[in-house]
Amino acid sequence: MTLRIAFISDAWHPQINGVVTTIENTCSTLERAGHQIKLITPDQFITIPCPTYPSIRLAYACNRKLKRLLNEFNPQRIHIATEGPLGIAARRYCLNRKLAFTTSFHTLFAEYVNLRFKIPVSWGYGFLRWFHAPAKKIMVATSSVESDLKARGFKNTLVRWSRGVNSDFYYPRDKTFISLPRPVCMFVGRVAIEKNIDAFLSLELAGTKIVVGDGPQLKELKARFPDTVFAGFQTGEPLANYMAAADVFVFPSRTDTFGIVMLEALASGLPVAAFPVNGPVDVIGSDKVGRLDENLKKAIAEALQLDAQDCRNYALNYSWANCTRQFFYNLVPAFEKSRDSKNNSIVEHWVK
């Protein structure tokens, strides 16, 4: 028996981030098990640029087409991943038809909006509580996020949906790919204000700082930090080569709910230096693979002393198969009276 699973997300290609990586790997794992996945994403609609971040496209006037797509697919399970225009339209669709659905909490939306538009964080969480309130379950990546949402008044059932890493792609490689003074301290990710990259680049460090990525803050950071190497947007083998050729991965963000890129760095043999905040606290569970300190310079110096093989071994504990198993078990029947007794056998079909 297979299931028809509708997955609605405002985050999708050409974006490359942890949300897209998680959705892509989860859905492909489910499809390999024989389940039918209907991904509803902005590329299927007329879009407009996101304010302050034009490379992100948001679906516009999407209600009618989303309704048609879901009616045609007739899903048995519905998951709404994001709180954007598509997520709001899918929420409305489900409520109008009394369909049960799950949601997930991927990003600190309220904090991001506060950084970009100065809208009070309390207002942002008011919107988020409203958005997620009808969901049967909210999937979160870590216990820290769960505790934070409970403290902020979320009454839903909160369940775990962790993350994975492709360790066959991210692995230790030749360090000579980068021929610059060492140690090489690297950040990989979206070059945007919420990533707090200037906290890394403003440090006085020996060796070379490298930023791999693109985003709305790139021009500003290039002007402010001319001694930093900005490698631009990278994907595929070049990205994996850059990652593995560094000596330490620096993750200065204070607003990530997880940070898959840290797993990718660890799988590549890189220790991680970060602040002791949600995300790094949950991912870097061992002093053998990273250092967390409010003094980021100290964290970097100590992380440089750690063993690459320990980092690699730690990352191997995370797999997309386990991540997908969690996701699948968390889903609820769209029509709650149609609970199927074969749910466990469905799961076993693809987790073996």
C-alpha atoms as a PDB file:
ATOM      1  CA  MET A   1       0.000   0.000   0.000  1.00  0.00           C
ATOM      2  CA  THR A   2       1.244   3.460  -0.874  1.00  0.00           C
ATOM      3  CA  LEU A   3       0.054   6.862   0.271  1.00  0.00           C
ATOM      4  CA  ARG A   4      -0.677  10.088  -1.585  1.00  0.00           C
ATOM      5  CA  ILE A   5       1.147  12.796   0.359  1.00  0.00           C
ATOM      6  CA  ALA A   6       0.727  16.496  -0.451  1.00  0.00           C
ATOM      7  CA  PHE A   7       3.683  18.662   0.567  1.00  0.00           C
ATOM      8  CA  ILE A   8       3.247  22.433   0.359  1.00  0.00           C
ATOM      9  CA  SER A   9       6.268  24.727   0.664  1.00  0.00           C
ATOM     10  CA  ASP A  10       7.015  28.381  -0.104  1.00  0.00           C
ATOM     11  CA  ALA A  11      10.729  27.501   0.018  1.00  0.00           C
ATOM     12  CA  TRP A  12      11.995  25.776  -3.108  1.00  0.00           C
ATOM     13  CA  HIS A  13      14.543  25.998  -5.911  1.00  0.00           C
ATOM     14  CA  PRO A  14      16.345  28.104  -6.983  1.00  0.00           C
ATOM     15  CA  GLN A  15      16.765  28.716  -3.241  1.00  0.00           C
ATOM     16  CA  ILE A  16      19.444  26.550  -1.667  1.00  0.00           C
ATOM     17  CA  ASN A  17      19.040  26.354   2.079  1.00  0.00           C
ATOM     18  CA  GLY A  18      18.346  23.913   4.870  1.00  0.00           C
ATOM     19  CA  VAL A  19      14.584  23.979   4.349  1.00  0.00           C
ATOM     20  CA  VAL A  20      14.842  23.111   0.660  1.00  0.00           C
ATOM     21  CA  THR A  21      17.490  20.453   1.342  1.00  0.00           C
ATOM     22  CA  THR A  22      15.293  18.812   3.980  1.00  0.00           C
ATOM     23  CA  ILE A  23      12.161  18.839   1.832  1.00  0.00           C
ATOM     24  CA  GLU A  24      13.966  17.555  -1.253  1.00  0.00           C
ATOM     25  CA  ASN A  25      15.641  14.648   0.557  1.00  0.00           C
ATOM     26  CA  THR A  26      12.528  13.697   2.528  1.00  0.00           C
ATOM     27  CA  CYS A  27      10.303  13.656  -0.541  1.00  0.00           C
ATOM     28  CA  SER A  28      12.786  11.745  -2.693  1.00  0.00           C
ATOM     29  CA  THR A  29      13.180   9.113   0.039  1.00  0.00           C
ATOM     30  CA  LEU A  30       9.417   8.687   0.250  1.00  0.00           C
ATOM     31  CA  GLU A  31       9.133   8.413  -3.535  1.00  0.00           C
ATOM     32  CA  ARG A  32      11.794   5.715  -3.665  1.00  0.00           C
ATOM     33  CA  ALA A  33       9.615   3.768  -1.240  1.00  0.00           C
ATOM     34  CA  GLY A  34       6.727   3.987  -3.693  1.00  0.00           C
ATOM     35  CA  HIS A  35       4.659   6.750  -2.121  1.00  0.00           C
ATOM     36  CA  GLN A  36       3.102   9.404  -4.348  1.00  0.00           C
ATOM     37  CA  ILE A  37       4.291  12.912  -3.502  1.00  0.00           C
ATOM     38  CA  LYS A  38       2.648  16.091  -4.727  1.00  0.00           C
ATOM     39  CA  LEU A  39       5.027  18.966  -4.116  1.00  0.00           C
ATOM     40  CA  ILE A  40       3.309  22.334  -4.413  1.00  0.00           C
ATOM     41  CA  THR A  41       5.955  25.061  -4.668  1.00  0.00           C
ATOM     42  CA  PRO A  42       6.261  28.652  -5.971  1.00  0.00           C
ATOM     43  CA  ASP A  43       7.692  27.642  -9.362  1.00  0.00           C
ATOM     44  CA  GLN A  44       4.207  26.362 -10.317  1.00  0.00           C
ATOM     45  CA  PHE A  45       2.625  29.825  -9.877  1.00  0.00           C
ATOM     46  CA  ILE A  46       2.955  33.447 -10.881  1.00  0.00           C
ATOM     47  CA  THR A  47       5.509  34.892  -8.454  1.00  0.00           C
ATOM     48  CA  ILE A  48       6.657  38.225  -7.113  1.00  0.00           C
ATOM     49  CA  PRO A  49      10.014  39.045  -5.485  1.00  0.00           C
ATOM     50  CA  CYS A  50      10.210  38.876  -1.705  1.00  0.00           C
ATOM     51  CA  PRO A  51      10.692  42.377  -0.219  1.00  0.00           C
ATOM     52  CA  THR A  52      14.383  43.028   0.641  1.00  0.00           C
ATOM     53  CA  TYR A  53      15.311  39.634  -0.872  1.00  0.00           C
ATOM     54  CA  PRO A  54      14.350  39.684  -4.578  1.00  0.00           C
ATOM     55  CA  SER A  55      16.021  36.371  -5.423  1.00  0.00           C
ATOM     56  CA  ILE A  56      13.329  34.648  -3.345  1.00  0.00           C
ATOM     57  CA  ARG A  57      10.086  34.430  -5.285  1.00  0.00           C
ATOM     58  CA  LEU A  58       6.702  34.269  -3.559  1.00  0.00           C
ATOM     59  CA  ALA A  59       3.575  32.765  -5.098  1.00  0.00           C
ATOM     60  CA  TYR A  60       0.965  35.366  -6.003  1.00  0.00           C
ATOM     61  CA  ALA A  61      -2.815  34.886  -6.297  1.00  0.00           C
ATOM     62  CA  CYS A  62      -2.327  31.186  -5.684  1.00  0.00           C
ATOM     63  CA  ASN A  63      -5.619  30.081  -4.101  1.00  0.00           C
ATOM     64  CA  ARG A  64      -7.468  28.899  -7.205  1.00  0.00           C
ATOM     65  CA  LYS A  65      -4.607  26.875  -8.688  1.00  0.00           C
ATOM     66  CA  LEU A  66      -3.625  25.372  -5.326  1.00  0.00           C
ATOM     67  CA  LYS A  67      -7.245  24.263  -4.843  1.00  0.00           C
ATOM     68  CA  ARG A  68      -7.259  22.625  -8.277  1.00  0.00           C
ATOM     69  CA  LEU A  69      -3.935  20.833  -7.692  1.00  0.00           C
ATOM     70  CA  LEU A  70      -5.052  19.432  -4.354  1.00  0.00           C
ATOM     71  CA  ASN A  71      -8.476  18.431  -5.642  1.00  0.00           C
ATOM     72  CA  GLU A  72      -6.880  16.537  -8.527  1.00  0.00           C
ATOM     73  CA  PHE A  73      -4.359  14.787  -6.283  1.00  0.00           C
ATOM     74  CA  ASN A  74      -6.863  13.961  -3.509  1.00  0.00           C
ATOM     75  CA  PRO A  75      -4.162  13.544  -0.831  1.00  0.00           C
ATOM     76  CA  GLN A  76      -4.366  11.099   2.052  1.00  0.00           C
ATOM     77  CA  ARG A  77      -1.810  13.084   4.056  1.00  0.00           C
ATOM     78  CA  ILE A  78      -1.161  16.843   3.937  1.00  0.00           C
ATOM     79  CA  HIS A  79       1.903  18.635   5.253  1.00  0.00           C
ATOM     80  CA  ILE A  80       2.324  22.425   5.160  1.00  0.00           C
ATOM     81  CA  ALA A  81       6.001  23.275   5.569  1.00  0.00           C
ATOM     82  CA  THR A  82       6.092  27.075   5.550  1.00  0.00           C
ATOM     83  CA  GLU A  83       4.093  30.104   6.642  1.00  0.00           C
ATOM     84  CA  GLY A  84       4.188  31.992   3.324  1.00  0.00           C
ATOM     85  CA  PRO A  85       1.476  32.609   0.695  1.00  0.00           C
ATOM     86  CA  LEU A  86       1.250  28.934  -0.340  1.00  0.00           C
ATOM     87  CA  GLY A  87       1.203  27.792   3.264  1.00  0.00           C
ATOM     88  CA  ILE A  88      -1.614  30.218   4.098  1.00  0.00           C
ATOM     89  CA  ALA A  89      -3.594  29.119   1.010  1.00  0.00           C
ATOM     90  CA  ALA A  90      -3.150  25.429   1.888  1.00  0.00           C
ATOM     91  CA  ARG A  91      -4.183  26.127   5.501  1.00  0.00           C
ATOM     92  CA  ARG A  92      -7.374  27.798   4.247  1.00  0.00           C
ATOM     93  CA  TYR A  93      -8.058  24.896   1.863  1.00  0.00           C
ATOM     94  CA  CYS A  94      -7.788  22.343   4.678  1.00  0.00           C
ATOM     95  CA  LEU A  95      -9.926  24.306   7.136  1.00  0.00           C
ATOM     96  CA  ASN A  96     -12.665  24.884   4.563  1.00  0.00           C
ATOM     97  CA  ARG A  97     -12.844  21.117   3.918  1.00  0.00           C
ATOM     98  CA  LYS A  98     -12.254  20.002   7.513  1.00  0.00           C
ATOM     99  CA  LEU A  99      -9.059  18.176   6.499  1.00  0.00           C
ATOM    100  CA  ALA A 100      -6.436  17.342   9.109  1.00  0.00           C
ATOM    101  CA  PHE A 101      -2.879  18.430   8.383  1.00  0.00           C
ATOM    102  CA  THR A 102       0.564  18.802   9.934  1.00  0.00           C
ATOM    103  CA  THR A 103       2.940  21.752   9.799  1.00  0.00           C
ATOM    104  CA  SER A 104       6.631  22.256  10.511  1.00  0.00           C
ATOM    105  CA  PHE A 105       8.655  25.029  12.112  1.00  0.00           C
ATOM    106  CA  HIS A 106      11.818  25.572  10.055  1.00  0.00           C
ATOM    107  CA  THR A 107      12.914  29.152  10.611  1.00  0.00           C
ATOM    108  CA  LEU A 108      12.749  31.867  13.245  1.00  0.00           C
ATOM    109  CA  PHE A 109      10.307  33.837  11.129  1.00  0.00           C
ATOM    110  CA  ALA A 110       9.510  36.418  13.814  1.00  0.00           C
ATOM    111  CA  GLU A 111      13.185  37.180  14.427  1.00  0.00           C
ATOM    112  CA  TYR A 112      13.918  37.434  10.687  1.00  0.00           C
ATOM    113  CA  VAL A 113      11.053  39.870  10.152  1.00  0.00           C
ATOM    114  CA  ASN A 114      12.255  41.906  13.110  1.00  0.00           C
ATOM    115  CA  LEU A 115      15.780  42.130  11.663  1.00  0.00           C
ATOM    116  CA  ARG A 116      14.557  43.148   8.210  1.00  0.00           C
ATOM    117  CA  PHE A 117      11.504  45.307   8.933  1.00  0.00           C
ATOM    118  CA  LYS A 118      11.730  46.093  12.695  1.00  0.00           C
ATOM    119  CA  ILE A 119       8.328  44.473  13.296  1.00  0.00           C
ATOM    120  CA  PRO A 120       8.146  43.448  16.979  1.00  0.00           C
ATOM    121  CA  VAL A 121       9.030  39.801  17.617  1.00  0.00           C
ATOM    122  CA  SER A 122       5.870  39.434  19.713  1.00  0.00           C
ATOM    123  CA  TRP A 123       3.753  40.330  16.671  1.00  0.00           C
ATOM    124  CA  GLY A 124       5.583  37.754  14.598  1.00  0.00           C
ATOM    125  CA  TYR A 125       4.913  35.009  17.120  1.00  0.00           C
ATOM    126  CA  GLY A 126       1.279  36.072  17.292  1.00  0.00           C
ATOM    127  CA  PHE A 127       1.022  35.384  13.561  1.00  0.00           C
ATOM    128  CA  LEU A 128       2.871  32.071  13.933  1.00  0.00           C
ATOM    129  CA  ARG A 129       0.592  30.873  16.736  1.00  0.00           C
ATOM    130  CA  TRP A 130      -2.399  31.728  14.539  1.00  0.00           C
ATOM    131  CA  PHE A 131      -0.935  29.954  11.519  1.00  0.00           C
ATOM    132  CA  HIS A 132      -0.007  26.714  13.294  1.00  0.00           C
ATOM    133  CA  ALA A 133      -2.961  26.538  15.706  1.00  0.00           C
ATOM    134  CA  PRO A 134      -5.169  24.239  13.527  1.00  0.00           C
ATOM    135  CA  ALA A 135      -2.332  21.777  12.801  1.00  0.00           C
ATOM    136  CA  LYS A 136      -2.662  18.360  14.445  1.00  0.00           C
ATOM    137  CA  LYS A 137       1.101  18.324  14.981  1.00  0.00           C
ATOM    138  CA  ILE A 138       3.987  20.748  14.503  1.00  0.00           C
ATOM    139  CA  MET A 139       7.240  19.091  13.468  1.00  0.00           C
ATOM    140  CA  VAL A 140      10.392  20.654  14.940  1.00  0.00           C
ATOM    141  CA  ALA A 141      14.028  19.709  14.448  1.00  0.00           C
ATOM    142  CA  THR A 142      15.305  19.942  18.030  1.00  0.00           C
ATOM    143  CA  SER A 143      14.319  19.882  21.678  1.00  0.00           C
ATOM    144  CA  SER A 144      15.455  23.510  22.017  1.00  0.00           C
ATOM    145  CA  VAL A 145      12.944  24.668  19.425  1.00  0.00           C
ATOM    146  CA  GLU A 146      10.235  22.591  21.090  1.00  0.00           C
ATOM    147  CA  SER A 147      10.932  24.172  24.481  1.00  0.00           C
ATOM    148  CA  ASP A 148      10.983  27.659  22.967  1.00  0.00           C
ATOM    149  CA  LEU A 149       7.638  27.210  21.205  1.00  0.00           C
ATOM    150  CA  LYS A 150       6.008  25.844  24.350  1.00  0.00           C
ATOM    151  CA  ALA A 151       7.296  28.849  26.291  1.00  0.00           C
ATOM    152  CA  ARG A 152       5.806  31.134  23.619  1.00  0.00           C
ATOM    153  CA  GLY A 153       2.332  29.681  24.014  1.00  0.00           C
ATOM    154  CA  PHE A 154       2.101  27.055  21.260  1.00  0.00           C
ATOM    155  CA  LYS A 155      -0.502  24.505  22.385  1.00  0.00           C
ATOM    156  CA  ASN A 156      -0.084  21.977  19.567  1.00  0.00           C
ATOM    157  CA  THR A 157       1.458  18.541  19.848  1.00  0.00           C
ATOM    158  CA  LEU A 158       5.136  19.118  19.066  1.00  0.00           C
ATOM    159  CA  VAL A 159       6.997  16.206  17.492  1.00  0.00           C
ATOM    160  CA  ARG A 160      10.531  15.678  16.260  1.00  0.00           C
ATOM    161  CA  TRP A 161      11.618  15.836  12.624  1.00  0.00           C
ATOM    162  CA  SER A 162      15.395  15.849  12.641  1.00  0.00           C
ATOM    163  CA  ARG A 163      17.776  16.329   9.713  1.00  0.00           C
ATOM    164  CA  GLY A 164      20.283  14.326   7.697  1.00  0.00           C
ATOM    165  CA  VAL A 165      23.398  14.665   5.588  1.00  0.00           C
ATOM    166  CA  ASN A 166      24.571  13.066   2.360  1.00  0.00           C
ATOM    167  CA  SER A 167      27.836  11.611   3.645  1.00  0.00           C
ATOM    168  CA  ASP A 168      28.590  10.078   0.235  1.00  0.00           C
ATOM    169  CA  PHE A 169      28.874  13.601  -1.176  1.00  0.00           C
ATOM    170  CA  TYR A 170      30.291  15.507   1.772  1.00  0.00           C
ATOM    171  CA  TYR A 171      33.498  13.781   2.874  1.00  0.00           C
ATOM    172  CA  PRO A 172      37.141  14.730   3.541  1.00  0.00           C
ATOM    173  CA  ARG A 173      38.911  15.746   0.327  1.00  0.00           C
ATOM    174  CA  ASP A 174      42.181  17.254  -0.859  1.00  0.00           C
ATOM    175  CA  LYS A 175      43.032  20.411   1.101  1.00  0.00           C
ATOM    176  CA  THR A 176      45.109  21.759  -1.793  1.00  0.00           C
ATOM    177  CA  PHE A 177      41.882  22.834  -3.510  1.00  0.00           C
ATOM    178  CA  ILE A 178      42.431  26.076  -1.561  1.00  0.00           C
ATOM    179  CA  SER A 179      45.962  27.477  -1.888  1.00  0.00           C
ATOM    180  CA  LEU A 180      45.701  30.368   0.585  1.00  0.00           C
ATOM    181  CA  PRO A 181      47.339  31.098   3.949  1.00  0.00           C
ATOM    182  CA  ARG A 182      46.120  28.794   6.682  1.00  0.00           C
ATOM    183  CA  PRO A 183      44.208  28.217   8.794  1.00  0.00           C
ATOM    184  CA  VAL A 184      41.230  28.661   6.484  1.00  0.00           C
ATOM    185  CA  CYS A 185      38.103  29.676   8.401  1.00  0.00           C
ATOM    186  CA  MET A 186      34.962  29.290   6.290  1.00  0.00           C
ATOM    187  CA  PHE A 187      31.307  30.246   6.308  1.00  0.00           C
ATOM    188  CA  VAL A 188      28.935  28.651   3.787  1.00  0.00           C
ATOM    189  CA  GLY A 189      25.383  29.836   3.397  1.00  0.00           C
ATOM    190  CA  ARG A 190      23.029  32.682   2.610  1.00  0.00           C
ATOM    191  CA  VAL A 191      24.774  36.043   2.815  1.00  0.00           C
ATOM    192  CA  ALA A 192      22.042  37.851   4.703  1.00  0.00           C
ATOM    193  CA  ILE A 193      21.688  39.867   7.876  1.00  0.00           C
ATOM    194  CA  GLU A 194      20.067  37.036   9.843  1.00  0.00           C
ATOM    195  CA  LYS A 195      23.196  34.896   9.424  1.00  0.00           C
ATOM    196  CA  ASN A 196      25.225  37.380  11.526  1.00  0.00           C
ATOM    197  CA  ILE A 197      28.254  36.941   9.245  1.00  0.00           C
ATOM    198  CA  ASP A 198      29.876  40.209  10.280  1.00  0.00           C
ATOM    199  CA  ALA A 199      30.398  38.723  13.775  1.00  0.00           C
ATOM    200  CA  PHE A 200      32.809  36.307  12.064  1.00  0.00           C
ATOM    201  CA  LEU A 201      34.384  38.668   9.554  1.00  0.00           C
ATOM    202  CA  SER A 202      35.110  41.382  12.123  1.00  0.00           C
ATOM    203  CA  LEU A 203      37.393  39.039  14.092  1.00  0.00           C
ATOM    204  CA  GLU A 204      41.165  39.383  13.843  1.00  0.00           C
ATOM    205  CA  LEU A 205      42.268  35.897  12.824  1.00  0.00           C
ATOM    206  CA  ALA A 206      45.418  34.381  11.392  1.00  0.00           C
ATOM    207  CA  GLY A 207      45.166  32.772   7.967  1.00  0.00           C
ATOM    208  CA  THR A 208      42.235  33.308   5.583  1.00  0.00           C
ATOM    209  CA  LYS A 209      38.520  33.928   5.950  1.00  0.00           C
ATOM    210  CA  ILE A 210      36.316  32.620   3.163  1.00  0.00           C
ATOM    211  CA  VAL A 211      32.592  33.192   2.591  1.00  0.00           C
ATOM    212  CA  VAL A 212      30.872  30.834   0.155  1.00  0.00           C
ATOM    213  CA  GLY A 213      27.408  31.975  -0.850  1.00  0.00           C
ATOM    214  CA  ASP A 214      25.288  34.807  -2.186  1.00  0.00           C
ATOM    215  CA  GLY A 215      22.576  37.039  -0.820  1.00  0.00           C
ATOM    216  CA  PRO A 216      21.383  40.590  -0.220  1.00  0.00           C
ATOM    217  CA  GLN A 217      24.233  41.487   2.167  1.00  0.00           C
ATOM    218  CA  LEU A 218      27.048  40.399  -0.167  1.00  0.00           C
ATOM    219  CA  LYS A 219      27.848  43.834  -1.615  1.00  0.00           C
ATOM    220  CA  GLU A 220      27.916  45.437   1.822  1.00  0.00           C
ATOM    221  CA  LEU A 221      30.182  42.781   3.352  1.00  0.00           C
ATOM    222  CA  LYS A 222      32.575  42.891   0.395  1.00  0.00           C
ATOM    223  CA  ALA A 223      32.997  46.623   0.913  1.00  0.00           C
ATOM    224  CA  ARG A 224      33.439  46.346   4.676  1.00  0.00           C
ATOM    225  CA  PHE A 225      35.795  43.349   4.696  1.00  0.00           C
ATOM    226  CA  PRO A 226      38.120  43.576   1.678  1.00  0.00           C
ATOM    227  CA  ASP A 227      40.560  41.030   3.137  1.00  0.00           C
ATOM    228  CA  THR A 228      37.907  38.302   3.121  1.00  0.00           C
ATOM    229  CA  VAL A 229      37.721  35.928   0.144  1.00  0.00           C
ATOM    230  CA  PHE A 230      34.160  35.860  -1.235  1.00  0.00           C
ATOM    231  CA  ALA A 231      33.881  32.727  -3.356  1.00  0.00           C
ATOM    232  CA  GLY A 232      30.312  33.389  -4.494  1.00  0.00           C
ATOM    233  CA  PHE A 233      27.488  30.936  -4.959  1.00  0.00           C
ATOM    234  CA  GLN A 234      28.685  27.328  -5.296  1.00  0.00           C
ATOM    235  CA  THR A 235      26.908  24.007  -5.772  1.00  0.00           C
ATOM    236  CA  GLY A 236      27.816  20.396  -6.512  1.00  0.00           C
ATOM    237  CA  GLU A 237      31.435  19.294  -6.550  1.00  0.00           C
ATOM    238  CA  PRO A 238      32.883  22.822  -6.265  1.00  0.00           C
ATOM    239  CA  LEU A 239      30.884  23.376  -3.074  1.00  0.00           C
ATOM    240  CA  ALA A 240      31.984  20.057  -1.591  1.00  0.00           C
ATOM    241  CA  ASN A 241      35.592  20.822  -2.540  1.00  0.00           C
ATOM    242  CA  TYR A 242      35.490  24.246  -0.901  1.00  0.00           C
ATOM    243  CA  MET A 243      33.961  22.817   2.247  1.00  0.00           C
ATOM    244  CA  ALA A 244      36.463  20.002   2.654  1.00  0.00           C
ATOM    245  CA  ALA A 245      39.478  22.199   1.914  1.00  0.00           C
ATOM    246  CA  ALA A 246      38.872  24.516   4.877  1.00  0.00           C
ATOM    247  CA  ASP A 247      40.234  23.981   8.384  1.00  0.00           C
ATOM    248  CA  VAL A 248      37.285  25.102  10.508  1.00  0.00           C
ATOM    249  CA  PHE A 249      33.655  25.888   9.779  1.00  0.00           C
ATOM    250  CA  VAL A 250      32.374  29.077  11.416  1.00  0.00           C
ATOM    251  CA  PHE A 251      28.622  29.294  12.031  1.00  0.00           C
ATOM    252  CA  PRO A 252      27.876  32.746  13.500  1.00  0.00           C
ATOM    253  CA  SER A 253      24.083  32.645  13.173  1.00  0.00           C
ATOM    254  CA  ARG A 254      21.961  33.178  16.267  1.00  0.00           C
ATOM    255  CA  THR A 255      18.626  32.591  14.510  1.00  0.00           C
ATOM    256  CA  ASP A 256      18.814  29.102  12.957  1.00  0.00           C
ATOM    257  CA  THR A 257      16.592  26.321  14.231  1.00  0.00           C
ATOM    258  CA  PHE A 258      19.093  23.644  13.139  1.00  0.00           C
ATOM    259  CA  GLY A 259      21.791  24.350  10.552  1.00  0.00           C
ATOM    260  CA  ILE A 260      22.194  21.411   8.151  1.00  0.00           C
ATOM    261  CA  VAL A 261      25.328  23.056   6.788  1.00  0.00           C
ATOM    262  CA  MET A 262      27.034  22.202  10.096  1.00  0.00           C
ATOM    263  CA  LEU A 263      26.375  18.505   9.426  1.00  0.00           C
ATOM    264  CA  GLU A 264      27.773  18.918   5.914  1.00  0.00           C
ATOM    265  CA  ALA A 265      30.903  20.515   7.362  1.00  0.00           C
ATOM    266  CA  LEU A 266      31.322  17.763   9.959  1.00  0.00           C
ATOM    267  CA  ALA A 267      30.868  15.061   7.306  1.00  0.00           C
ATOM    268  CA  SER A 268      33.637  16.830   5.361  1.00  0.00           C
ATOM    269  CA  GLY A 269      35.936  16.534   8.381  1.00  0.00           C
ATOM    270  CA  LEU A 270      35.593  20.152   9.572  1.00  0.00           C
ATOM    271  CA  PRO A 271      35.130  21.045  13.235  1.00  0.00           C
ATOM    272  CA  VAL A 272      32.540  23.748  13.935  1.00  0.00           C
ATOM    273  CA  ALA A 273      32.895  27.008  15.864  1.00  0.00           C
ATOM    274  CA  ALA A 274      29.671  28.765  16.841  1.00  0.00           C
ATOM    275  CA  PHE A 275      27.807  30.675  19.502  1.00  0.00           C
ATOM    276  CA  PRO A 276      26.068  28.599  22.228  1.00  0.00           C
ATOM    277  CA  VAL A 277      22.545  29.194  20.881  1.00  0.00           C
ATOM    278  CA  ASN A 278      19.667  27.103  19.512  1.00  0.00           C
ATOM    279  CA  GLY A 279      20.859  25.192  16.474  1.00  0.00           C
ATOM    280  CA  PRO A 280      24.549  24.782  17.344  1.00  0.00           C
ATOM    281  CA  VAL A 281      23.676  23.633  20.887  1.00  0.00           C
ATOM    282  CA  ASP A 282      21.523  20.865  19.414  1.00  0.00           C
ATOM    283  CA  VAL A 283      23.739  19.875  16.481  1.00  0.00           C
ATOM    284  CA  ILE A 284      27.166  20.073  18.125  1.00  0.00           C
ATOM    285  CA  GLY A 285      26.502  17.577  20.873  1.00  0.00           C
ATOM    286  CA  SER A 286      30.126  16.759  21.582  1.00  0.00           C
ATOM    287  CA  ASP A 287      33.218  18.793  22.434  1.00  0.00           C
ATOM    288  CA  LYS A 288      35.086  16.417  20.126  1.00  0.00           C
ATOM    289  CA  VAL A 289      33.499  17.964  17.018  1.00  0.00           C
ATOM    290  CA  GLY A 290      33.053  21.645  17.809  1.00  0.00           C
ATOM    291  CA  ARG A 291      33.378  24.516  20.220  1.00  0.00           C
ATOM    292  CA  LEU A 292      30.564  26.818  21.306  1.00  0.00           C
ATOM    293  CA  ASP A 293      31.443  30.073  23.038  1.00  0.00           C
ATOM    294  CA  GLU A 294      30.201  33.654  23.221  1.00  0.00           C
ATOM    295  CA  ASN A 295      33.811  34.502  22.401  1.00  0.00           C
ATOM    296  CA  LEU A 296      33.733  33.313  18.785  1.00  0.00           C
ATOM    297  CA  LYS A 297      37.464  33.868  18.316  1.00  0.00           C
ATOM    298  CA  LYS A 298      38.168  31.535  21.222  1.00  0.00           C
ATOM    299  CA  ALA A 299      35.746  28.959  19.814  1.00  0.00           C
ATOM    300  CA  ILE A 300      37.561  29.049  16.459  1.00  0.00           C
ATOM    301  CA  ALA A 301      41.001  28.636  18.058  1.00  0.00           C
ATOM    302  CA  GLU A 302      39.837  25.648  20.097  1.00  0.00           C
ATOM    303  CA  ALA A 303      37.931  24.034  17.218  1.00  0.00           C
ATOM    304  CA  LEU A 304      41.084  24.094  15.095  1.00  0.00           C
ATOM    305  CA  GLN A 305      42.615  21.594  17.520  1.00  0.00           C
ATOM    306  CA  LEU A 306      39.912  18.954  16.989  1.00  0.00           C
ATOM    307  CA  ASP A 307      40.247  15.754  14.968  1.00  0.00           C
ATOM    308  CA  ALA A 308      38.752  15.536  11.471  1.00  0.00           C
ATOM    309  CA  GLN A 309      37.855  11.850  11.785  1.00  0.00           C
ATOM    310  CA  ASP A 310      35.889  12.476  14.969  1.00  0.00           C
ATOM    311  CA  CYS A 311      33.881  15.088  13.064  1.00  0.00           C
ATOM    312  CA  ARG A 312      33.228  12.707  10.208  1.00  0.00           C
ATOM    313  CA  ASN A 313      32.174   9.862  12.506  1.00  0.00           C
ATOM    314  CA  TYR A 314      29.766  12.119  14.373  1.00  0.00           C
ATOM    315  CA  ALA A 315      28.037  13.263  11.169  1.00  0.00           C
ATOM    316  CA  LEU A 316      27.473   9.660  10.107  1.00  0.00           C
ATOM    317  CA  ASN A 317      24.885   9.362  12.882  1.00  0.00           C
ATOM    318  CA  TYR A 318      22.551  11.556  10.805  1.00  0.00           C
ATOM    319  CA  SER A 319      20.812  10.070   7.765  1.00  0.00           C
ATOM    320  CA  TRP A 320      17.977  11.128   5.518  1.00  0.00           C
ATOM    321  CA  ALA A 321      16.389   7.683   5.974  1.00  0.00           C
ATOM    322  CA  ASN A 322      16.011   8.296   9.711  1.00  0.00           C
ATOM    323  CA  CYS A 323      14.822  11.844   9.072  1.00  0.00           C
ATOM    324  CA  THR A 324      12.151  10.589   6.668  1.00  0.00           C
ATOM    325  CA  ARG A 325      11.041   7.849   9.039  1.00  0.00           C
ATOM    326  CA  GLN A 326      10.317  10.499  11.665  1.00  0.00           C
ATOM    327  CA  PHE A 327       8.417  12.625   9.160  1.00  0.00           C
ATOM    328  CA  PHE A 328       6.293   9.710   7.994  1.00  0.00           C
ATOM    329  CA  TYR A 329       5.298   8.606  11.485  1.00  0.00           C
ATOM    330  CA  ASN A 330       4.265  12.186  12.295  1.00  0.00           C
ATOM    331  CA  LEU A 331       1.771  12.482   9.434  1.00  0.00           C
ATOM    332  CA  VAL A 332      -1.959  12.253  10.151  1.00  0.00           C
ATOM    333  CA  PRO A 333      -4.807  11.061   7.897  1.00  0.00           C
ATOM    334  CA  ALA A 334      -6.390  13.991   6.089  1.00  0.00           C
ATOM    335  CA  PHE A 335      -9.785  12.468   6.837  1.00  0.00           C
ATOM    336  CA  GLU A 336      -9.359  11.560  10.475  1.00  0.00           C
ATOM    337  CA  LYS A 337     -11.953   8.779  10.395  1.00  0.00           C
ATOM    338  CA  SER A 338      -9.954   6.912   7.727  1.00  0.00           C
ATOM    339  CA  ARG A 339      -7.067   5.801   9.945  1.00  0.00           C
ATOM    340  CA  ASP A 340      -5.444   2.800   8.298  1.00  0.00           C
ATOM    341  CA  SER A 341      -4.290  -0.181  10.315  1.00  0.00           C
ATOM    342  CA  LYS A 342      -1.435  -0.865   7.903  1.00  0.00           C
ATOM    343  CA  ASN A 343       0.496   2.286   8.784  1.00  0.00           C
ATOM    344  CA  ASN A 344       3.370   0.384  10.388  1.00  0.00           C
ATOM    345  CA  SER A 345       3.804  -1.956   7.414  1.00  0.00           C
ATOM    346  CA  ILE A 346       3.924   1.073   5.105  1.00  0.00           C
ATOM    347  CA  VAL A 347       6.793   2.474   7.104  1.00  0.00           C
ATOM    348  CA  GLU A 348       8.674  -0.805   7.175  1.00  0.00           C
ATOM    349  CA  HIS A 349       8.486  -0.926   3.385  1.00  0.00           C
ATOM    350  CA  TRP A 350      11.035   1.848   3.079  1.00  0.00           C
ATOM    351  CA  VAL A 351      13.009   1.944   6.312  1.00  0.00           C
ATOM    352  CA  LYS A 352      14.452  -1.559   5.968  1.00  0.00           C
END
